[in-house]
Protein backbone atom coordinates (compact mmCIF):
# COMPACT_ATOMS: atom_id res chain seq x y z
CA UNK A 1 38.25 28.48 -1.80
CA UNK A 2 37.72 28.87 -5.53
CA UNK A 3 34.07 28.18 -6.34
CA UNK A 4 34.27 29.04 -10.04
CA UNK A 5 34.85 25.42 -11.03
CA UNK A 6 32.66 23.90 -8.32
CA UNK A 7 30.30 21.19 -9.57
CA UNK A 8 27.11 20.39 -7.73
CA UNK A 9 26.66 16.87 -6.42
CA UNK A 10 23.65 14.82 -7.46
CA UNK A 11 22.00 15.55 -4.13
CA UNK A 12 22.67 19.28 -4.44
CA UNK A 13 21.14 19.22 -7.92
CA UNK A 14 18.19 17.37 -6.41
CA UNK A 15 17.68 20.06 -3.77
CA UNK A 16 18.19 22.91 -6.23
CA UNK A 17 15.43 21.66 -8.52
CA UNK A 18 13.04 21.76 -5.59
CA UNK A 19 13.63 25.44 -4.85
CA UNK A 20 12.02 26.49 -8.12
CA UNK A 21 12.76 27.70 -11.63
CA UNK A 22 13.30 31.07 -13.28
CA UNK A 23 9.49 31.33 -13.49
CA UNK A 24 8.30 30.12 -10.12
CA UNK A 25 9.46 29.52 -6.54
CA UNK A 26 8.45 26.44 -4.53
CA UNK A 27 9.95 27.59 -1.21
CA UNK A 28 7.92 30.65 -0.37
CA UNK A 29 5.45 29.50 2.26
CA UNK A 30 5.39 28.57 5.92
CA UNK A 31 3.41 25.86 7.67
CA UNK A 32 3.81 24.76 11.28
CA UNK A 33 3.26 21.02 11.76
CA UNK A 34 2.47 19.64 15.21
CA UNK A 35 2.19 15.86 15.65
CA UNK A 36 0.03 14.19 18.29
CA UNK A 37 1.00 10.49 18.34
CA UNK A 38 -1.38 9.79 21.22
CA UNK A 39 -4.32 10.05 18.80
CA UNK A 40 -2.43 9.79 15.48
CA UNK A 41 -3.31 13.28 14.27
CA UNK A 42 -1.37 16.17 12.79
CA UNK A 43 -2.18 19.88 13.09
CA UNK A 44 -1.02 22.02 10.17
CA UNK A 45 -1.13 25.79 10.68
CA UNK A 46 -0.76 27.92 7.55
CA UNK A 47 0.81 31.30 8.30
CA UNK A 48 -0.82 34.49 7.10
CA UNK A 49 2.40 36.33 6.17
CA UNK A 50 1.74 37.04 2.50
CA UNK A 51 -1.86 38.14 2.74
CA UNK A 52 -3.08 41.71 2.22
CA UNK A 53 -3.50 42.49 5.92
CA UNK A 54 0.16 41.69 6.70
CA UNK A 55 1.34 43.71 3.69
CA UNK A 56 -0.75 46.72 4.65
CA UNK A 57 0.65 46.72 8.18
CA UNK A 58 4.18 46.84 6.75
CA UNK A 59 3.68 49.21 3.83
CA UNK A 60 0.78 51.42 4.99
CA UNK A 61 -0.30 53.70 2.12
CA UNK A 62 2.02 52.08 -0.43
CA UNK A 63 -0.03 48.91 -0.54
CA UNK A 64 -3.42 50.57 -0.89
CA UNK A 65 -3.25 50.26 -4.71
CA UNK A 66 -3.24 46.49 -4.21
CA UNK A 67 -6.81 46.51 -2.93
CA UNK A 68 -9.21 44.67 -5.19
CA UNK A 69 -12.96 45.15 -4.87
CA UNK A 70 -13.45 41.49 -5.48
CA UNK A 71 -16.49 39.35 -4.79
CA UNK A 72 -14.67 36.06 -5.26
CA UNK A 73 -15.67 33.46 -2.72
CA UNK A 74 -13.07 31.24 -1.06
CA UNK A 75 -15.65 28.66 -0.05
CA UNK A 76 -15.25 26.76 -3.33
CA UNK A 77 -11.59 26.16 -2.51
CA UNK A 78 -12.26 25.24 1.11
CA UNK A 79 -14.79 22.68 -0.13
CA UNK A 80 -11.86 20.88 -1.76
CA UNK A 81 -10.31 20.20 1.67
CA UNK A 82 -11.78 17.03 3.12
CA UNK A 83 -10.20 17.47 6.54
CA UNK A 84 -11.25 19.72 9.43
CA UNK A 85 -10.29 23.40 8.92
CA UNK A 86 -10.34 25.82 11.88
CA UNK A 87 -10.02 29.52 10.99
CA UNK A 88 -11.31 30.95 14.26
CA UNK A 89 -8.07 32.58 15.37
CA UNK A 90 -7.27 34.41 12.13
CA UNK A 91 -10.89 35.41 11.63
CA UNK A 92 -10.82 37.18 14.99
CA UNK A 93 -7.57 38.92 14.03
CA UNK A 94 -8.98 40.17 10.74
CA UNK A 95 -12.17 41.35 12.42
CA UNK A 96 -10.17 43.53 14.83
CA UNK A 97 -7.90 44.78 12.04
CA UNK A 98 -10.73 45.94 9.81
CA UNK A 99 -12.51 47.55 12.75
CA UNK A 100 -9.41 49.74 13.24
CA UNK A 101 -8.93 50.40 9.50
CA UNK A 102 -12.39 51.34 8.31
CA UNK A 103 -10.94 52.82 5.09
CA UNK A 104 -9.89 49.35 3.92
CA UNK A 105 -12.49 47.04 2.47
CA UNK A 106 -12.20 43.43 3.70
CA UNK A 107 -10.20 41.39 1.23
CA UNK A 108 -10.48 37.74 0.34
CA UNK A 109 -7.34 35.79 1.20
CA UNK A 110 -5.15 34.72 -1.69
CA UNK A 111 -4.84 31.33 -0.05
CA UNK A 112 -8.11 30.42 1.70
CA UNK A 113 -6.14 28.38 4.26
CA UNK A 114 -3.96 31.29 5.39
CA UNK A 115 -4.07 31.60 9.15
CA UNK A 116 -6.05 28.37 9.53
CA UNK A 117 -5.30 25.09 11.26
CA UNK A 118 -6.02 21.86 9.38
CA UNK A 119 -6.37 18.67 11.43
CA UNK A 120 -5.29 15.58 9.47
CA UNK A 121 -4.93 11.92 10.49
CA UNK A 122 -1.28 10.84 10.56
CA UNK A 123 0.01 10.12 7.06
CA UNK A 124 -3.21 11.01 5.25
CA UNK A 125 -1.85 14.31 3.89
CA UNK A 126 0.99 12.40 2.24
CA UNK A 127 -1.28 9.65 0.90
CA UNK A 128 -3.82 12.15 -0.44
CA UNK A 129 -1.08 14.05 -2.27
CA UNK A 130 0.42 10.88 -3.76
CA UNK A 131 -2.87 9.85 -5.34
CA UNK A 132 -4.23 13.29 -6.33
CA UNK A 133 -5.33 13.70 -9.96
CA UNK A 134 -3.15 16.67 -10.94
CA UNK A 135 -3.34 15.68 -14.63
CA UNK A 136 -7.05 16.52 -14.92
CA UNK A 137 -6.61 19.71 -12.91
CA UNK A 138 -3.74 20.87 -15.12
CA UNK A 139 -5.81 20.27 -18.24
CA UNK A 140 -8.40 22.67 -16.83
CA UNK A 141 -5.69 25.21 -15.95
CA UNK A 142 -4.38 25.19 -19.53
CA UNK A 143 -7.91 25.73 -20.80
CA UNK A 144 -8.27 28.86 -18.63
CA UNK A 145 -4.87 30.38 -19.40
CA UNK A 146 -6.03 32.30 -22.46
CA UNK A 147 -7.73 35.04 -20.43
CA UNK A 148 -4.72 36.00 -18.30
CA UNK A 149 -2.42 38.92 -19.11
CA UNK A 150 0.89 39.96 -17.62
CA UNK A 151 0.62 41.56 -14.18
CA UNK A 152 1.59 45.23 -13.77
CA UNK A 153 3.04 46.10 -10.36
CA UNK A 154 2.34 49.41 -8.60
CA UNK A 155 5.09 51.94 -8.02
CA UNK A 156 6.44 51.17 -4.52
CA UNK A 157 9.66 51.52 -2.57
CA UNK A 158 12.33 48.94 -3.34
CA UNK A 159 12.32 47.46 0.16
CA UNK A 160 8.71 46.38 -0.36
CA UNK A 161 9.16 45.15 -3.90
CA UNK A 162 9.97 41.55 -2.96
CA UNK A 163 6.84 41.23 -0.84
CA UNK A 164 4.59 42.72 -3.49
CA UNK A 165 6.21 40.67 -6.25
CA UNK A 166 5.02 37.59 -4.37
CA UNK A 167 1.66 38.96 -3.36
CA UNK A 168 0.22 40.54 -6.49
CA UNK A 169 0.94 37.74 -9.02
CA UNK A 170 -0.77 35.30 -6.67
CA UNK A 171 -3.78 37.61 -6.45
CA UNK A 172 -3.89 37.98 -10.24
CA UNK A 173 -3.42 34.27 -10.98
CA UNK A 174 -5.32 32.99 -7.94
CA UNK A 175 -7.83 30.95 -9.92
CA UNK A 176 -5.07 29.19 -11.86
CA UNK A 177 -2.80 28.54 -8.89
CA UNK A 178 -5.51 27.38 -6.51
CA UNK A 179 -7.17 25.23 -9.15
CA UNK A 180 -4.03 23.11 -9.30
CA UNK A 181 -2.74 23.54 -5.74
CA UNK A 182 -6.05 22.54 -4.14
CA UNK A 183 -5.83 19.11 -5.71
CA UNK A 184 -4.64 17.97 -2.28
CA UNK A 185 -4.47 19.44 1.20
CA UNK A 186 -0.66 19.35 1.32
CA UNK A 187 -0.19 21.20 -1.98
CA UNK A 188 -2.92 23.70 -1.00
CA UNK A 189 -0.89 24.62 2.07
CA UNK A 190 2.21 25.28 -0.06
CA UNK A 191 1.15 27.09 -3.25
CA UNK A 192 3.88 28.33 -5.62
CA UNK A 193 5.08 31.91 -5.89
CA UNK A 194 4.85 33.10 -9.49
CA UNK A 195 7.61 35.54 -10.37
CA UNK A 196 6.78 38.87 -11.98
CA UNK A 197 7.05 39.33 -15.72
CA UNK A 198 7.26 35.62 -16.61
CA UNK A 199 5.22 33.57 -19.02
CA UNK A 200 2.35 32.27 -16.88
CA UNK A 201 1.98 29.17 -19.05
CA UNK A 202 5.62 28.24 -18.45
CA UNK A 203 5.26 28.99 -14.73
CA UNK A 204 2.21 26.77 -14.34
CA UNK A 205 3.87 24.01 -16.33
CA UNK A 206 6.92 24.21 -14.04
CA UNK A 207 4.62 23.89 -11.03
CA UNK A 208 2.74 20.96 -12.55
CA UNK A 209 6.00 19.14 -13.28
CA UNK A 210 7.11 19.76 -9.70
CA UNK A 211 3.92 18.17 -8.34
CA UNK A 212 4.20 15.16 -10.64
CA UNK A 213 7.87 14.65 -9.76
CA UNK A 214 7.09 14.63 -6.04
CA UNK A 215 4.18 12.25 -6.56
CA UNK A 216 6.38 9.75 -8.36
CA UNK A 217 9.19 10.12 -5.82
CA UNK A 218 7.02 9.35 -2.81
CA UNK A 219 5.20 6.51 -4.49
CA UNK A 220 8.63 5.02 -5.12
CA UNK A 221 9.98 5.56 -1.61
CA UNK A 222 6.85 4.22 0.11
CA UNK A 223 6.95 1.11 -2.03
CA UNK A 224 10.63 0.63 -1.18
CA UNK A 225 10.12 1.17 2.57
CA UNK A 226 6.71 -0.36 3.31
CA UNK A 227 5.57 -2.75 0.57
CA UNK A 228 6.13 -6.31 1.81
CA UNK A 229 5.85 -7.60 -1.77
CA UNK A 230 8.68 -5.37 -3.02
CA UNK A 231 11.79 -7.59 -3.36
CA UNK A 232 10.84 -9.70 -0.30
CA UNK A 233 13.85 -11.97 -0.84
CA UNK A 234 16.18 -9.01 -0.18
CA UNK A 235 14.17 -6.53 1.88
CA UNK A 236 11.82 -8.90 3.68
CA UNK A 237 13.83 -8.98 6.92
CA UNK A 238 14.39 -5.19 7.02
CA UNK A 239 12.09 -2.84 8.90
CA UNK A 240 10.93 0.42 7.20
CA UNK A 241 13.64 2.49 8.91
CA UNK A 242 16.43 0.29 7.57
CA UNK A 243 14.81 0.23 4.13
CA UNK A 244 14.56 4.03 4.15
CA UNK A 245 18.24 4.60 4.84
CA UNK A 246 19.16 1.93 2.31
CA UNK A 247 17.03 3.86 -0.19
CA UNK A 248 18.90 7.07 0.62
CA UNK A 249 22.20 5.25 0.22
CA UNK A 250 21.18 3.98 -3.21
CA UNK A 251 20.07 7.51 -4.22
CA UNK A 252 23.39 8.96 -2.92
CA UNK A 253 21.57 11.05 -0.32
CA UNK A 254 23.16 11.84 3.06
CA UNK A 255 22.31 9.44 5.93
CA UNK A 256 20.44 12.12 7.84
CA UNK A 257 17.46 14.42 7.38
CA UNK A 258 17.25 17.88 8.94
CA UNK A 259 14.05 19.64 9.97
CA UNK A 260 13.34 23.01 11.58
CA UNK A 261 12.16 21.93 15.00
CA UNK A 262 11.04 24.27 17.78
CA UNK A 263 9.23 24.06 21.10
CA UNK A 264 6.25 26.22 21.96
CA UNK A 265 3.55 26.45 24.60
CA UNK A 266 -0.06 25.70 23.78
CA UNK A 267 -3.07 26.57 25.90
CA UNK A 268 -4.51 23.71 27.92
CA UNK A 269 -7.57 23.35 30.14
CA UNK A 270 -8.90 26.18 32.23
CA UNK A 271 -7.83 25.95 35.85
CA UNK A 272 -10.36 25.47 38.59
CA UNK A 273 -11.29 28.74 40.26
CA UNK A 274 -8.94 29.79 43.06
CA UNK A 275 -8.74 32.73 45.39
CA UNK A 276 -6.17 35.36 44.51
CA UNK A 277 -5.58 38.99 45.21
CA UNK A 278 -6.19 41.06 42.03
CA UNK A 279 -4.09 43.86 43.44
CA UNK A 280 -1.11 41.53 43.74
CA UNK A 281 -1.52 40.52 40.08
CA UNK A 282 -1.86 44.17 39.08
CA UNK A 283 1.34 45.05 40.95
CA UNK A 284 3.17 42.15 39.26
CA UNK A 285 1.94 43.21 35.82
CA UNK A 286 3.03 46.78 36.44
CA UNK A 287 6.45 45.71 37.78
CA UNK A 288 7.16 43.43 34.82
CA UNK A 289 5.60 45.70 32.21
CA UNK A 290 3.02 43.19 31.03
CA UNK A 291 -0.63 43.71 30.18
CA UNK A 292 -2.91 42.70 33.05
CA UNK A 293 -5.24 40.78 30.72
CA UNK A 294 -2.30 38.77 29.36
CA UNK A 295 -1.22 37.93 32.89
CA UNK A 296 -4.75 36.78 33.74
CA UNK A 297 -4.74 34.59 30.62
CA UNK A 298 -1.62 32.76 31.80
CA UNK A 299 -2.97 32.64 35.33
CA UNK A 300 -6.29 31.03 34.40
CA UNK A 301 -5.18 28.47 31.80
CA UNK A 302 -2.64 25.68 31.88
CA UNK A 303 -0.04 25.71 29.11
CA UNK A 304 1.85 22.70 27.82
CA UNK A 305 5.10 22.59 25.82
CA UNK A 306 4.88 20.88 22.41
CA UNK A 307 7.30 20.33 19.54
CA UNK A 308 6.34 21.74 16.17
CA UNK A 309 8.12 21.83 12.81
CA UNK A 310 8.51 24.79 10.46
CA UNK A 311 8.10 23.68 6.86
CA UNK A 312 8.82 26.13 4.06
CA UNK A 313 7.95 23.95 1.08
CA UNK A 314 5.76 21.07 0.02
CA UNK A 315 8.65 18.64 -0.41
CA UNK A 316 9.98 19.49 3.06
CA UNK A 317 6.59 18.71 4.59
CA UNK A 318 6.23 15.44 2.64
CA UNK A 319 9.66 14.37 3.84
CA UNK A 320 8.58 15.15 7.41
CA UNK A 321 5.41 13.08 6.99
CA UNK A 322 7.42 10.13 5.69
CA UNK A 323 9.86 10.33 8.59
CA UNK A 324 7.02 10.47 11.13
CA UNK A 325 5.45 7.33 9.65
CA UNK A 326 8.79 5.58 10.12
CA UNK A 327 9.44 7.09 13.57
CA UNK A 328 6.04 6.03 14.93
CA UNK A 329 6.41 2.52 13.52
CA UNK A 330 3.10 2.45 11.67
CA UNK A 331 2.07 -0.50 9.57
CA UNK A 332 1.23 0.33 5.95
CA UNK A 333 -0.49 -1.87 3.44
CA UNK A 334 -1.83 -1.52 -0.09
CA UNK A 335 -5.59 -1.62 -0.40
CA UNK A 336 -6.56 -4.72 -2.38
CA UNK A 337 -9.31 -2.76 -4.12
CA UNK A 338 -7.72 0.60 -5.09
CA UNK A 339 -4.02 -0.22 -4.65
CA UNK A 340 -3.33 2.79 -2.42
CA UNK A 341 -1.32 2.69 0.81
CA UNK A 342 -3.18 3.04 4.10
CA UNK A 343 -2.34 2.63 7.79
CA UNK A 344 -3.44 -0.60 9.43
CA UNK A 345 -5.09 0.26 12.75
CA UNK A 346 -5.32 -2.20 15.59
CA UNK A 347 -4.11 -5.77 15.51
CA UNK A 348 -6.19 -7.01 12.60
CA UNK A 349 -4.93 -7.48 9.06
CA UNK A 350 -7.24 -5.24 7.01
CA UNK A 351 -7.40 -5.81 3.28
CA UNK A 352 -9.13 -2.61 2.23
CA UNK A 353 -8.72 1.09 3.03
CA UNK A 354 -11.41 3.26 4.56
CA UNK A 355 -11.21 6.09 1.97
CA UNK A 356 -14.06 7.42 -0.13
CA UNK A 357 -12.69 8.03 -3.62
CA UNK A 358 -13.86 10.58 -6.16
CA UNK A 359 -17.17 9.54 -7.70
CA UNK A 360 -17.98 7.17 -4.83
CA UNK A 361 -20.15 7.65 -1.75
CA UNK A 362 -18.82 4.66 0.22
CA UNK A 363 -15.40 3.48 1.32
CA UNK A 364 -13.31 0.81 -0.37
CA UNK A 365 -13.96 -1.39 2.66
CA UNK A 366 -17.74 -1.12 2.26
CA UNK A 367 -17.67 -1.49 -1.51
CA UNK A 368 -15.35 -4.50 -1.32
CA UNK A 369 -17.62 -6.18 1.23
CA UNK A 370 -20.59 -5.73 -1.11
CA UNK A 371 -18.63 -6.90 -4.15
CA UNK A 372 -17.27 -9.94 -2.31
CA UNK A 373 -20.76 -10.80 -1.12
CA UNK A 374 -22.19 -10.58 -4.62
CA UNK A 375 -19.34 -12.70 -6.00
CA UNK A 376 -19.82 -15.27 -3.28
CA UNK A 377 -23.55 -15.38 -3.87
CA UNK A 378 -23.05 -15.71 -7.62
CA UNK A 379 -20.80 -18.73 -7.05
CA UNK A 380 -23.00 -20.29 -4.37
CA UNK A 381 -25.50 -22.58 -6.14
CA UNK A 382 -27.24 -23.47 -2.88
CA UNK A 383 -28.42 -19.92 -2.14
CA UNK A 384 -30.91 -19.52 -5.04
CA UNK A 385 -32.31 -22.96 -4.20
CA UNK A 386 -32.93 -21.91 -0.60
CA UNK A 387 -34.51 -18.64 -1.74
CA UNK A 388 -36.80 -20.50 -4.16
CA UNK A 389 -38.21 -22.84 -1.50
CA UNK A 390 -38.35 -20.11 1.12
CA UNK A 391 -40.65 -18.06 -1.13
CA UNK A 392 -42.76 -21.12 -1.94
CA UNK A 393 -43.28 -22.30 1.63
CA UNK A 394 -43.71 -18.84 3.17
CA UNK A 395 -46.53 -18.23 0.66
CA UNK A 396 -48.25 -21.39 1.87
CA UNK A 397 -47.92 -20.24 5.46
CA UNK A 398 -49.94 -17.13 4.56
CA UNK A 399 -52.83 -19.31 3.26
CA UNK A 400 -52.56 -21.77 6.17
CA UNK A 401 -51.43 -24.68 3.99
CA UNK A 402 -48.33 -24.92 6.24
CA UNK A 403 -48.33 -24.20 9.95
CA UNK A 404 -45.94 -21.53 11.27
CA UNK A 405 -44.11 -23.90 13.69
CA UNK A 406 -43.55 -26.41 10.85
CA UNK A 407 -42.22 -23.61 8.61
CA UNK A 408 -39.74 -22.52 11.29
CA UNK A 409 -38.48 -26.10 11.66
CA UNK A 410 -38.01 -26.35 7.89
CA UNK A 411 -36.24 -22.98 7.78
CA UNK A 412 -33.69 -24.00 10.42
CA UNK A 413 -33.02 -27.32 8.73
CA UNK A 414 -32.93 -25.72 5.26
CA UNK A 415 -30.26 -23.23 6.36
CA UNK A 416 -28.15 -26.05 7.76
CA UNK A 417 -28.56 -28.07 4.58
CA UNK A 418 -27.78 -24.97 2.50
CA UNK A 419 -24.44 -24.56 4.26
CA UNK A 420 -23.71 -28.25 3.77
CA UNK A 421 -24.44 -27.89 0.07
CA UNK A 422 -22.28 -24.73 -0.20
CA UNK A 423 -19.42 -26.58 1.50
CA UNK A 424 -19.77 -29.64 -0.74
CA UNK A 425 -21.02 -32.03 1.92
CA UNK A 426 -24.15 -32.77 -0.13
CA UNK A 427 -24.89 -32.31 -3.81
CA UNK A 428 -27.20 -29.71 -5.35
CA UNK A 429 -29.54 -32.53 -6.43
CA UNK A 430 -29.70 -33.87 -2.88
CA UNK A 431 -30.54 -30.41 -1.54
CA UNK A 432 -33.32 -29.96 -4.10
CA UNK A 433 -34.75 -33.40 -3.38
CA UNK A 434 -34.70 -32.77 0.38
CA UNK A 435 -36.64 -29.50 -0.05
CA UNK A 436 -39.16 -31.07 -2.41
CA UNK A 437 -39.95 -33.95 -0.06
CA UNK A 438 -39.86 -32.10 3.26
CA UNK A 439 -43.62 -31.53 3.32
CA UNK A 440 -45.18 -34.93 2.32
CA UNK A 441 -48.54 -33.49 1.25
CA UNK A 442 -46.85 -31.46 -1.49
CA UNK A 443 -46.77 -33.14 -4.89
CA UNK A 444 -43.64 -32.85 -6.93
CA UNK A 445 -43.77 -30.58 -9.93
CA UNK A 446 -44.50 -32.66 -13.02
CA UNK A 447 -46.42 -35.42 -11.25
CA UNK A 448 -49.81 -36.21 -12.79
CA UNK A 449 -52.99 -35.98 -10.71
CA UNK A 450 -54.66 -39.36 -10.26
């Protein structure tokens, strides 16, 4: 087959743009996604492949020049992640590694999430990415670019060059890359790989454009698939799955989506203690050439098979998130306060999302409730009338001009009359007159003493 005159299809061009540019690669990471529909959560495990420890194991002395006596603190980046991050497993691995390699000073990870597991509610990683403010973050990146020079690579064997070409530019440009990538949890898990010897400004601009393109794409596809107000006369009778494949048809995409799916065992609960012969286990371990401690681990804990997905890029993970929302049949709605999509939980028709946005300390739901209350009170002419007479008569109770039982009777009646006035059953004037004349011994304001 002659490929010299082969022309890429629109979909092939679409996929090619998402691999990267001559300056930067977007398909150089690995995250394992495990979905738990029983509690609507997702576990995202970021592999540790490109960090210094993994490189040192492979390259031994050749990678020693890559060590940086850095005091940079990853906590500032981890503070950007608003979901639960568990780094226990990788921290234990690094502790053992450095104990056996005392000549190596502990290094900060390039990506603070490497080796960690992030627990995210279903769909929230996609929503957070869609609404992240990458514009402001990129403005800060451009401001910082002036102090960065071209990276010089150490002299290493050619078979290690590819690994180090990924590793060292990230280390050198960590502040720039993470400042933009950590705008959302999803993008933080899939940072770009800057190629060696390129213009860092062009590379960061390519990455920024990639993020903005994906944001726009998924805002468009979620509107098409889930927004009940989007062309309801045509799409109103279609469920999100049908809408999604119609969308792919319109975009000339294939009618299928492929993911890297695999099954693995995860540790479950510890078994209740049972009698067993340790010699028998030792004989089995010896016969099958397995460590006795490993055998005991499998003997003492249950293990359950689960399906997980290997994602090598941000756009692959976002596509997986979208497909899981459709597969699990979730109900999405736009928040009437911020306009962002959120999952409706339960059987009630919520109007507002439960997110806390930047610069706020309360959720849209709480803020909307307060705003609606204030608006209602501002429009309710009966409320200030009730408050006025409540203050007047409660003050008289304190000086024994009105008895407490009589005040309670007035209060109950006044609340009933207030609701009648709010609902238009009586006029404002009638409500005022009723309050003024409720206690006969009280003279109306303006009456002359005789």
